[in-house]
PDB file of N, CA and C in Angstrom:
ATOM      1  N   MET A   1      91.362 -73.884  71.339  1.00  0.00           N
ATOM      2  CA  MET A   1      90.947 -73.510  72.640  1.00  0.00           C
ATOM      3  C   MET A   1      89.668 -74.151  73.111  1.00  0.00           C
ATOM      4  N   THR A   2      89.769 -74.949  74.341  1.00  0.00           N
ATOM      5  CA  THR A   2      88.670 -75.592  74.781  1.00  0.00           C
ATOM      6  C   THR A   2      87.859 -74.644  75.558  1.00  0.00           C
ATOM      7  N   THR A   3      86.636 -74.617  75.403  1.00  0.00           N
ATOM      8  CA  THR A   3      85.588 -73.709  75.953  1.00  0.00           C
ATOM      9  C   THR A   3      84.998 -74.423  77.395  1.00  0.00           C
ATOM     10  N   PRO A   4      84.668 -73.429  78.226  1.00  0.00           N
ATOM     11  CA  PRO A   4      84.057 -74.046  79.757  1.00  0.00           C
ATOM     12  C   PRO A   4      82.934 -75.339  79.284  1.00  0.00           C
ATOM     13  N   ASP A   5      82.130 -74.846  78.185  1.00  0.00           N
ATOM     14  CA  ASP A   5      81.024 -75.881  77.963  1.00  0.00           C
ATOM     15  C   ASP A   5      81.597 -77.100  77.333  1.00  0.00           C
ATOM     16  N   GLU A   6      82.592 -76.890  76.588  1.00  0.00           N
ATOM     17  CA  GLU A   6      83.424 -78.196  76.045  1.00  0.00           C
ATOM     18  C   GLU A   6      83.904 -79.235  77.256  1.00  0.00           C
ATOM     19  N   ARG A   7      84.481 -78.237  77.960  1.00  0.00           N
ATOM     20  CA  ARG A   7      85.427 -78.986  79.187  1.00  0.00           C
ATOM     21  C   ARG A   7      84.164 -79.706  80.123  1.00  0.00           C
ATOM     22  N   THR A   8      83.098 -78.888  80.406  1.00  0.00           N
ATOM     23  CA  THR A   8      82.153 -79.673  81.380  1.00  0.00           C
ATOM     24  C   THR A   8      81.580 -80.683  80.535  1.00  0.00           C
ATOM     25  N   ARG A   9      81.207 -80.656  79.354  1.00  0.00           N
ATOM     26  CA  ARG A   9      80.640 -81.942  78.737  1.00  0.00           C
ATOM     27  C   ARG A   9      81.554 -83.165  78.518  1.00  0.00           C
ATOM     28  N   ALA A  10      82.806 -82.786  78.567  1.00  0.00           N
ATOM     29  CA  ALA A  10      83.909 -84.012  78.425  1.00  0.00           C
ATOM     30  C   ALA A  10      83.988 -84.535  80.068  1.00  0.00           C
ATOM     31  N   LEU A  11      83.917 -83.767  80.810  1.00  0.00           N
ATOM     32  CA  LEU A  11      83.756 -84.180  82.171  1.00  0.00           C
ATOM     33  C   LEU A  11      82.504 -85.291  82.562  1.00  0.00           C
ATOM     34  N   VAL A  12      81.527 -84.622  82.198  1.00  0.00           N
ATOM     35  CA  VAL A  12      80.230 -85.385  82.241  1.00  0.00           C
ATOM     36  C   VAL A  12      80.397 -86.595  81.419  1.00  0.00           C
ATOM     37  N   GLN A  13      80.629 -86.700  80.150  1.00  0.00           N
ATOM     38  CA  GLN A  13      81.058 -87.842  79.482  1.00  0.00           C
ATOM     39  C   GLN A  13      82.212 -88.938  79.723  1.00  0.00           C
ATOM     40  N   ALA A  14      82.817 -88.358  80.516  1.00  0.00           N
ATOM     41  CA  ALA A  14      84.086 -89.244  81.050  1.00  0.00           C
ATOM     42  C   ALA A  14      83.243 -90.133  82.121  1.00  0.00           C
ATOM     43  N   GLY A  15      82.565 -89.454  82.847  1.00  0.00           N
ATOM     44  CA  GLY A  15      81.995 -90.223  84.050  1.00  0.00           C
ATOM     45  C   GLY A  15      80.816 -91.259  83.495  1.00  0.00           C
ATOM     46  N   ALA A  16      80.220 -90.755  82.445  1.00  0.00           N
ATOM     47  CA  ALA A  16      79.202 -91.722  81.840  1.00  0.00           C
ATOM     48  C   ALA A  16      80.131 -93.076  80.905  1.00  0.00           C
ATOM     49  N   PHE A  17      81.288 -92.773  80.618  1.00  0.00           N
ATOM     50  CA  PHE A  17      82.069 -93.682  79.931  1.00  0.00           C
ATOM     51  C   PHE A  17      82.493 -94.637  80.995  1.00  0.00           C
ATOM     52  N   LEU A  18      82.855 -94.196  82.101  1.00  0.00           N
ATOM     53  CA  LEU A  18      83.428 -95.122  83.124  1.00  0.00           C
ATOM     54  C   LEU A  18      82.306 -95.831  83.712  1.00  0.00           C
ATOM     55  N   LYS A  19      81.054 -95.372  83.737  1.00  0.00           N
ATOM     56  CA  LYS A  19      79.774 -96.126  83.873  1.00  0.00           C
ATOM     57  C   LYS A  19      79.696 -97.426  83.029  1.00  0.00           C
ATOM     58  N   GLU A  20      79.744 -97.132  81.542  1.00  0.00           N
ATOM     59  CA  GLU A  20      79.722 -98.007  80.759  1.00  0.00           C
ATOM     60  C   GLU A  20      80.820 -99.123  80.676  1.00  0.00           C
ATOM     61  N   LEU A  21      81.925 -98.940  81.108  1.00  0.00           N
ATOM     62  CA  LEU A  21      83.086 -99.781  81.458  1.00  0.00           C
ATOM     63  C   LEU A  21      82.571-100.684  82.333  1.00  0.00           C
ATOM     64  N   ARG A  22      82.208-100.201  83.538  1.00  0.00           N
ATOM     65  CA  ARG A  22      81.882-100.749  84.871  1.00  0.00           C
ATOM     66  C   ARG A  22      80.702-101.774  84.681  1.00  0.00           C
ATOM     67  N   ALA A  23      79.746-101.597  83.595  1.00  0.00           N
ATOM     68  CA  ALA A  23      78.639-102.525  83.579  1.00  0.00           C
ATOM     69  C   ALA A  23      78.785-103.454  82.342  1.00  0.00           C
ATOM     70  N   ASP A  24      79.884-103.093  81.535  1.00  0.00           N
ATOM     71  CA  ASP A  24      80.053-104.236  80.431  1.00  0.00           C
ATOM     72  C   ASP A  24      80.503-105.423  80.730  1.00  0.00           C
ATOM     73  N   ARG A  25      79.761-106.574  80.765  1.00  0.00           N
ATOM     74  CA  ARG A  25      80.136-107.900  81.203  1.00  0.00           C
ATOM     75  C   ARG A  25      81.034-108.575  80.256  1.00  0.00           C
ATOM     76  N   THR A  26      81.250-108.084  79.076  1.00  0.00           N
ATOM     77  CA  THR A  26      82.118-108.511  78.107  1.00  0.00           C
ATOM     78  C   THR A  26      83.450-108.158  78.253  1.00  0.00           C
ATOM     79  N   LEU A  27      83.795-107.247  79.099  1.00  0.00           N
ATOM     80  CA  LEU A  27      85.168-106.640  79.381  1.00  0.00           C
ATOM     81  C   LEU A  27      85.797-107.731  80.591  1.00  0.00           C
ATOM     82  N   PRO A  28      87.055-107.612  80.671  1.00  0.00           N
ATOM     83  CA  PRO A  28      87.656-108.481  81.567  1.00  0.00           C
ATOM     84  C   PRO A  28      87.328-107.810  83.075  1.00  0.00           C
ATOM     85  N   GLU A  29      87.285-108.613  84.234  1.00  0.00           N
ATOM     86  CA  GLU A  29      86.827-108.176  85.631  1.00  0.00           C
ATOM     87  C   GLU A  29      87.811-106.986  85.797  1.00  0.00           C
ATOM     88  N   SER A  30      89.067-107.083  85.463  1.00  0.00           N
ATOM     89  CA  SER A  30      90.010-106.138  86.040  1.00  0.00           C
ATOM     90  C   SER A  30      89.808-104.759  85.486  1.00  0.00           C
ATOM     91  N   ILE A  31      89.249-104.762  84.255  1.00  0.00           N
ATOM     92  CA  ILE A  31      88.733-103.358  83.667  1.00  0.00           C
ATOM     93  C   ILE A  31      87.586-102.921  84.284  1.00  0.00           C
ATOM     94  N   ARG A  32      86.551-103.699  84.619  1.00  0.00           N
ATOM     95  CA  ARG A  32      85.371-103.127  85.387  1.00  0.00           C
ATOM     96  C   ARG A  32      85.684-102.784  86.664  1.00  0.00           C
ATOM     97  N   THR A  33      86.587-103.728  87.297  1.00  0.00           N
ATOM     98  CA  THR A  33      86.980-103.249  88.824  1.00  0.00           C
ATOM     99  C   THR A  33      87.395-101.855  88.838  1.00  0.00           C
ATOM    100  N   GLU A  34      88.754-101.631  87.818  1.00  0.00           N
ATOM    101  CA  GLU A  34      89.295-100.460  87.711  1.00  0.00           C
ATOM    102  C   GLU A  34      88.276 -99.359  87.411  1.00  0.00           C
ATOM    103  N   ALA A  35      87.548 -99.453  86.427  1.00  0.00           N
ATOM    104  CA  ALA A  35      86.403 -98.294  86.126  1.00  0.00           C
ATOM    105  C   ALA A  35      85.559 -98.110  87.197  1.00  0.00           C
ATOM    106  N   HIS A  36      85.171 -99.211  88.149  1.00  0.00           N
ATOM    107  CA  HIS A  36      84.426 -98.935  89.393  1.00  0.00           C
ATOM    108  C   HIS A  36      85.088 -98.170  90.258  1.00  0.00           C
ATOM    109  N   ARG A  37      86.389 -98.275  90.640  1.00  0.00           N
ATOM    110  CA  ARG A  37      87.342 -97.695  91.605  1.00  0.00           C
ATOM    111  C   ARG A  37      87.549 -96.216  91.044  1.00  0.00           C
ATOM    112  N   LEU A  38      87.803 -96.040  89.882  1.00  0.00           N
ATOM    113  CA  LEU A  38      87.701 -94.627  89.421  1.00  0.00           C
ATOM    114  C   LEU A  38      86.641 -93.904  89.580  1.00  0.00           C
ATOM    115  N   LEU A  39      85.363 -94.510  89.485  1.00  0.00           N
ATOM    116  CA  LEU A  39      84.314 -93.764  89.298  1.00  0.00           C
ATOM    117  C   LEU A  39      83.782 -93.440  90.799  1.00  0.00           C
ATOM    118  N   ARG A  40      84.263 -94.051  91.685  1.00  0.00           N
ATOM    119  CA  ARG A  40      83.856 -94.030  93.246  1.00  0.00           C
ATOM    120  C   ARG A  40      84.514 -92.472  93.598  1.00  0.00           C
ATOM    121  N   HIS A  41      85.472 -91.933  93.010  1.00  0.00           N
ATOM    122  CA  HIS A  41      86.009 -90.671  93.162  1.00  0.00           C
ATOM    123  C   HIS A  41      85.974 -89.691  92.322  1.00  0.00           C
ATOM    124  N   TYR A  42      85.360 -90.090  90.999  1.00  0.00           N
ATOM    125  CA  TYR A  42      85.062 -89.225  90.207  1.00  0.00           C
ATOM    126  C   TYR A  42      83.902 -88.226  90.507  1.00  0.00           C
ATOM    127  N   PRO A  43      83.986 -86.986  89.815  1.00  0.00           N
ATOM    128  CA  PRO A  43      82.807 -86.047  90.118  1.00  0.00           C
ATOM    129  C   PRO A  43      81.664 -86.345  89.600  1.00  0.00           C
ATOM    130  N   SER A  44      80.439 -86.280  90.502  1.00  0.00           N
ATOM    131  CA  SER A  44      79.205 -86.624  89.911  1.00  0.00           C
ATOM    132  C   SER A  44      78.648 -85.234  89.321  1.00  0.00           C
ATOM    133  N   ILE A  45      77.477 -85.501  88.698  1.00  0.00           N
ATOM    134  CA  ILE A  45      76.786 -84.309  88.185  1.00  0.00           C
ATOM    135  C   ILE A  45      76.651 -83.300  89.351  1.00  0.00           C
ATOM    136  N   SER A  46      76.251 -83.797  90.564  1.00  0.00           N
ATOM    137  CA  SER A  46      76.040 -82.815  91.446  1.00  0.00           C
ATOM    138  C   SER A  46      77.249 -82.076  91.928  1.00  0.00           C
ATOM    139  N   ASP A  47      78.460 -82.809  92.050  1.00  0.00           N
ATOM    140  CA  ASP A  47      79.664 -82.203  92.452  1.00  0.00           C
ATOM    141  C   ASP A  47      80.003 -81.113  91.185  1.00  0.00           C
ATOM    142  N   VAL A  48      79.740 -81.255  90.069  1.00  0.00           N
ATOM    143  CA  VAL A  48      80.029 -80.373  89.047  1.00  0.00           C
ATOM    144  C   VAL A  48      79.207 -79.342  89.244  1.00  0.00           C
ATOM    145  N   ARG A  49      77.783 -79.465  89.637  1.00  0.00           N
ATOM    146  CA  ARG A  49      76.909 -78.355  89.814  1.00  0.00           C
ATOM    147  C   ARG A  49      77.382 -77.455  90.959  1.00  0.00           C
ATOM    148  N   SER A  50      78.031 -78.282  91.956  1.00  0.00           N
ATOM    149  CA  SER A  50      78.432 -77.460  93.243  1.00  0.00           C
ATOM    150  C   SER A  50      79.577 -76.450  92.754  1.00  0.00           C
ATOM    151  N   ILE A  51      80.525 -77.053  92.075  1.00  0.00           N
ATOM    152  CA  ILE A  51      81.532 -76.093  91.502  1.00  0.00           C
ATOM    153  C   ILE A  51      80.872 -74.928  90.904  1.00  0.00           C
ATOM    154  N   ALA A  52      80.175 -75.053  89.865  1.00  0.00           N
ATOM    155  CA  ALA A  52      79.565 -74.181  89.042  1.00  0.00           C
ATOM    156  C   ALA A  52      78.852 -73.097  90.050  1.00  0.00           C
ATOM    157  N   VAL A  53      78.260 -73.591  91.039  1.00  0.00           N
ATOM    158  CA  VAL A  53      77.485 -72.425  91.769  1.00  0.00           C
ATOM    159  C   VAL A  53      78.583 -71.832  92.825  1.00  0.00           C
ATOM    160  N   ALA A  54      79.792 -72.396  93.051  1.00  0.00           N
ATOM    161  CA  ALA A  54      80.631 -71.642  93.790  1.00  0.00           C
ATOM    162  C   ALA A  54      81.352 -70.505  92.813  1.00  0.00           C
ATOM    163  N   ILE A  55      81.209 -70.761  91.504  1.00  0.00           N
ATOM    164  CA  ILE A  55      81.711 -69.670  90.545  1.00  0.00           C
ATOM    165  C   ILE A  55      80.660 -69.127  89.681  1.00  0.00           C
ATOM    166  N   ALA A  56      79.462 -68.787  90.219  1.00  0.00           N
ATOM    167  CA  ALA A  56      78.110 -68.703  89.568  1.00  0.00           C
ATOM    168  C   ALA A  56      78.267 -67.454  88.727  1.00  0.00           C
ATOM    169  N   ASP A  57      79.274 -66.758  88.751  1.00  0.00           N
ATOM    170  CA  ASP A  57      79.365 -65.521  87.839  1.00  0.00           C
ATOM    171  C   ASP A  57      79.576 -66.043  86.352  1.00  0.00           C
ATOM    172  N   HIS A  58      79.884 -67.223  86.209  1.00  0.00           N
ATOM    173  CA  HIS A  58      80.393 -67.596  84.910  1.00  0.00           C
ATOM    174  C   HIS A  58      79.087 -67.678  83.965  1.00  0.00           C
ATOM    175  N   PRO A  59      79.119 -67.563  82.897  1.00  0.00           N
ATOM    176  CA  PRO A  59      77.846 -67.765  81.751  1.00  0.00           C
ATOM    177  C   PRO A  59      77.538 -69.146  81.411  1.00  0.00           C
ATOM    178  N   TRP A  60      78.455 -70.077  81.670  1.00  0.00           N
ATOM    179  CA  TRP A  60      78.053 -71.470  81.440  1.00  0.00           C
ATOM    180  C   TRP A  60      77.549 -72.222  82.327  1.00  0.00           C
ATOM    181  N   LEU A  61      77.116 -71.844  83.463  1.00  0.00           N
ATOM    182  CA  LEU A  61      76.438 -72.278  84.570  1.00  0.00           C
ATOM    183  C   LEU A  61      74.971 -73.252  84.044  1.00  0.00           C
ATOM    184  N   PRO A  62      74.120 -72.432  83.132  1.00  0.00           N
ATOM    185  CA  PRO A  62      72.995 -73.259  82.822  1.00  0.00           C
ATOM    186  C   PRO A  62      73.220 -74.366  81.798  1.00  0.00           C
ATOM    187  N   LEU A  63      74.652 -74.530  81.395  1.00  0.00           N
ATOM    188  CA  LEU A  63      74.851 -75.742  80.530  1.00  0.00           C
ATOM    189  C   LEU A  63      75.013 -76.849  81.240  1.00  0.00           C
ATOM    190  N   LEU A  64      75.290 -76.746  82.576  1.00  0.00           N
ATOM    191  CA  LEU A  64      75.335 -77.855  83.357  1.00  0.00           C
ATOM    192  C   LEU A  64      74.166 -78.958  83.524  1.00  0.00           C
ATOM    193  N   SER A  65      73.334 -78.524  83.240  1.00  0.00           N
ATOM    194  CA  SER A  65      71.955 -79.400  83.108  1.00  0.00           C
ATOM    195  C   SER A  65      71.789 -80.266  81.930  1.00  0.00           C
ATOM    196  N   VAL A  66      72.378 -81.680  82.071  1.00  0.00           N
ATOM    197  CA  VAL A  66      72.232 -82.446  80.929  1.00  0.00           C
ATOM    198  C   VAL A  66      70.964 -82.612  80.482  1.00  0.00           C
ATOM    199  N   GLU A  67      69.820 -82.218  81.049  1.00  0.00           N
ATOM    200  CA  GLU A  67      68.648 -82.369  80.543  1.00  0.00           C
ATOM    201  C   GLU A  67      68.436 -81.406  79.242  1.00  0.00           C
ATOM    202  N   GLN A  68      69.107 -80.266  79.331  1.00  0.00           N
ATOM    203  CA  GLN A  68      69.013 -78.943  78.350  1.00  0.00           C
ATOM    204  C   GLN A  68      69.570 -79.499  77.130  1.00  0.00           C
ATOM    205  N   ASP A  69      70.634 -80.508  77.225  1.00  0.00           N
ATOM    206  CA  ASP A  69      71.506 -80.895  75.961  1.00  0.00           C
ATOM    207  C   ASP A  69      71.585 -82.465  75.987  1.00  0.00           C
ATOM    208  N   PRO A  70      70.502 -83.177  75.740  1.00  0.00           N
ATOM    209  CA  PRO A  70      70.502 -84.689  75.753  1.00  0.00           C
ATOM    210  C   PRO A  70      71.625 -85.304  74.940  1.00  0.00           C
ATOM    211  N   ASP A  71      72.232 -84.683  73.829  1.00  0.00           N
ATOM    212  CA  ASP A  71      73.188 -85.013  73.065  1.00  0.00           C
ATOM    213  C   ASP A  71      74.468 -85.328  73.916  1.00  0.00           C
ATOM    214  N   TRP A  72      74.704 -84.671  74.926  1.00  0.00           N
ATOM    215  CA  TRP A  72      76.026 -84.806  75.883  1.00  0.00           C
ATOM    216  C   TRP A  72      75.939 -86.459  76.209  1.00  0.00           C
ATOM    217  N   LEU A  73      74.836 -87.089  76.360  1.00  0.00           N
ATOM    218  CA  LEU A  73      75.163 -88.515  76.828  1.00  0.00           C
ATOM    219  C   LEU A  73      74.353 -89.427  75.762  1.00  0.00           C
ATOM    220  N   ARG A  74      74.263 -89.015  74.669  1.00  0.00           N
ATOM    221  CA  ARG A  74      73.895 -89.958  73.501  1.00  0.00           C
ATOM    222  C   ARG A  74      75.106 -90.919  73.329  1.00  0.00           C
ATOM    223  N   GLY A  75      74.429 -92.211  73.381  1.00  0.00           N
ATOM    224  CA  GLY A  75      75.326 -93.363  73.226  1.00  0.00           C
ATOM    225  C   GLY A  75      75.933 -93.924  74.633  1.00  0.00           C
ATOM    226  N   TYR A  76      75.582 -93.364  75.611  1.00  0.00           N
ATOM    227  CA  TYR A  76      75.882 -93.856  77.051  1.00  0.00           C
ATOM    228  C   TYR A  76      74.647 -94.341  77.621  1.00  0.00           C
ATOM    229  N   ARG A  77      74.565 -95.654  77.480  1.00  0.00           N
ATOM    230  CA  ARG A  77      73.052 -96.221  77.882  1.00  0.00           C
ATOM    231  C   ARG A  77      72.972 -96.176  79.438  1.00  0.00           C
ATOM    232  N   HIS A  78      73.947 -96.058  80.386  1.00  0.00           N
ATOM    233  CA  HIS A  78      73.598 -95.859  81.787  1.00  0.00           C
ATOM    234  C   HIS A  78      73.591 -94.457  82.130  1.00  0.00           C
ATOM    235  N   GLY A  79      73.790 -93.370  81.433  1.00  0.00           N
ATOM    236  CA  GLY A  79      73.597 -91.833  81.605  1.00  0.00           C
ATOM    237  C   GLY A  79      74.875 -91.540  82.502  1.00  0.00           C
ATOM    238  N   ALA A  80      74.568 -90.436  82.792  1.00  0.00           N
ATOM    239  CA  ALA A  80      75.718 -89.574  83.642  1.00  0.00           C
ATOM    240  C   ALA A  80      75.988 -90.277  85.003  1.00  0.00           C
ATOM    241  N   HIS A  81      77.172 -90.000  85.492  1.00  0.00           N
ATOM    242  CA  HIS A  81      77.597 -90.391  86.889  1.00  0.00           C
ATOM    243  C   HIS A  81      76.799 -89.541  87.835  1.00  0.00           C
ATOM    244  N   LYS A  82      76.121 -90.247  88.782  1.00  0.00           N
ATOM    245  CA  LYS A  82      75.656 -89.586  89.885  1.00  0.00           C
ATOM    246  C   LYS A  82      76.233 -90.162  91.161  1.00  0.00           C
ATOM    247  N   ASP A  83      75.782 -89.505  92.292  1.00  0.00           N
ATOM    248  CA  ASP A  83      76.507 -89.787  93.569  1.00  0.00           C
ATOM    249  C   ASP A  83      76.021 -91.422  93.999  1.00  0.00           C
ATOM    250  N   PHE A  84      76.927 -92.016  94.661  1.00  0.00           N
ATOM    251  CA  PHE A  84      76.799 -93.397  95.021  1.00  0.00           C
ATOM    252  C   PHE A  84      75.776 -93.338  96.090  1.00  0.00           C
TER     253      PHE A  84
END
């Protein structure tokens, strides 16, 4: 069973992965363009935090701070997805 922490981490990491694809000049332009298109509509860290605030009675709210667990973004050179 997936925990809220695991689900949140996967959401953050997927956004970071899209950023990696968008920035990788070794990939075909079509892949980078698609990553950029998806990333434009992908929830940012602040979006995820806003959702958490809306349901603040959940105990996983503090886990939304990537700074608390830098392993979430280990290997993603470009970091978490933030607002455009």
